[in-house]
Amino acid sequence: MASSILNKYELARILGARSLQLSYGAPPLLEVKAGESAIDVARRELETGVIPLVVLR
């Protein structure tokens, strides 16, 4: 049975990968607020479910 809950290592890997993509110029999938960092945008994308990354276990 697969769990849909990410462990802390998976969470760190996904947020790091997506924030790196954003910092290198990838288009954000949500509206970016003024003064918001790439890691904050990546976290909001993950929380809303629009992040384009998948964890294979």
C-alpha atoms as a PDB file:
ATOM      1  CA  MET A   1       0.000   0.000   0.000  1.00  0.00           C
ATOM      2  CA  ALA A   2       1.548   3.325  -1.089  1.00  0.00           C
ATOM      3  CA  SER A   3       1.320   6.349   1.143  1.00  0.00           C
ATOM      4  CA  SER A   4       0.533   9.738  -0.376  1.00  0.00           C
ATOM      5  CA  ILE A   5       2.309  11.505   2.492  1.00  0.00           C
ATOM      6  CA  LEU A   6       5.823  12.682   1.699  1.00  0.00           C
ATOM      7  CA  ASN A   7       8.568  12.034   4.219  1.00  0.00           C
ATOM      8  CA  LYS A   8      10.975  14.843   5.105  1.00  0.00           C
ATOM      9  CA  TYR A   9      13.599  13.700   2.591  1.00  0.00           C
ATOM     10  CA  GLU A  10      11.137  13.541  -0.302  1.00  0.00           C
ATOM     11  CA  LEU A  11       9.734  16.932   0.670  1.00  0.00           C
ATOM     12  CA  ALA A  12      13.213  18.503   0.779  1.00  0.00           C
ATOM     13  CA  ARG A  13      14.164  16.943  -2.573  1.00  0.00           C
ATOM     14  CA  ILE A  14      11.021  18.119  -4.344  1.00  0.00           C
ATOM     15  CA  LEU A  15      11.126  21.633  -2.906  1.00  0.00           C
ATOM     16  CA  GLY A  16      14.826  21.935  -3.704  1.00  0.00           C
ATOM     17  CA  ALA A  17      14.433  20.703  -7.273  1.00  0.00           C
ATOM     18  CA  ARG A  18      11.448  22.926  -8.024  1.00  0.00           C
ATOM     19  CA  SER A  19      12.944  26.035  -6.404  1.00  0.00           C
ATOM     20  CA  LEU A  20      16.126  25.485  -8.465  1.00  0.00           C
ATOM     21  CA  GLN A  21      14.014  25.287 -11.628  1.00  0.00           C
ATOM     22  CA  LEU A  22      12.263  28.526 -10.665  1.00  0.00           C
ATOM     23  CA  SER A  23      15.520  30.315  -9.871  1.00  0.00           C
ATOM     24  CA  TYR A  24      16.866  29.327 -13.316  1.00  0.00           C
ATOM     25  CA  GLY A  25      13.866  30.907 -15.029  1.00  0.00           C
ATOM     26  CA  ALA A  26      11.176  28.223 -15.203  1.00  0.00           C
ATOM     27  CA  PRO A  27       7.719  29.790 -15.334  1.00  0.00           C
ATOM     28  CA  PRO A  28       5.885  29.648 -11.992  1.00  0.00           C
ATOM     29  CA  LEU A  29       2.579  27.785 -12.033  1.00  0.00           C
ATOM     30  CA  LEU A  30       1.011  30.172  -9.521  1.00  0.00           C
ATOM     31  CA  GLU A  31       0.940  33.942  -9.244  1.00  0.00           C
ATOM     32  CA  VAL A  32       4.105  35.146  -7.505  1.00  0.00           C
ATOM     33  CA  LYS A  33       3.602  37.679  -4.721  1.00  0.00           C
ATOM     34  CA  ALA A  34       6.005  40.604  -4.337  1.00  0.00           C
ATOM     35  CA  GLY A  35       9.117  39.645  -2.391  1.00  0.00           C
ATOM     36  CA  GLU A  36       8.374  35.918  -2.455  1.00  0.00           C
ATOM     37  CA  SER A  37      11.388  33.607  -2.810  1.00  0.00           C
ATOM     38  CA  ALA A  38      11.654  30.614  -5.140  1.00  0.00           C
ATOM     39  CA  ILE A  39      11.378  28.193  -2.197  1.00  0.00           C
ATOM     40  CA  ASP A  40       8.156  29.899  -1.061  1.00  0.00           C
ATOM     41  CA  VAL A  41       6.680  29.603  -4.562  1.00  0.00           C
ATOM     42  CA  ALA A  42       7.725  25.930  -4.732  1.00  0.00           C
ATOM     43  CA  ARG A  43       6.111  25.252  -1.339  1.00  0.00           C
ATOM     44  CA  ARG A  44       2.844  26.895  -2.427  1.00  0.00           C
ATOM     45  CA  GLU A  45       2.893  24.925  -5.686  1.00  0.00           C
ATOM     46  CA  LEU A  46       3.342  21.690  -3.748  1.00  0.00           C
ATOM     47  CA  GLU A  47       0.584  22.554  -1.254  1.00  0.00           C
ATOM     48  CA  THR A  48      -1.893  23.366  -4.026  1.00  0.00           C
ATOM     49  CA  GLY A  49      -0.986  20.267  -6.030  1.00  0.00           C
ATOM     50  CA  VAL A  50       0.160  21.934  -9.232  1.00  0.00           C
ATOM     51  CA  ILE A  51       3.842  21.037  -8.933  1.00  0.00           C
ATOM     52  CA  PRO A  52       4.966  18.991 -11.962  1.00  0.00           C
ATOM     53  CA  LEU A  53       7.123  16.487 -10.048  1.00  0.00           C
ATOM     54  CA  VAL A  54       6.337  12.903  -9.012  1.00  0.00           C
ATOM     55  CA  VAL A  55       7.943  10.671  -6.349  1.00  0.00           C
ATOM     56  CA  LEU A  56       8.548   7.074  -7.372  1.00  0.00           C
ATOM     57  CA  ARG A  57       9.099   4.668  -4.492  1.00  0.00           C
END
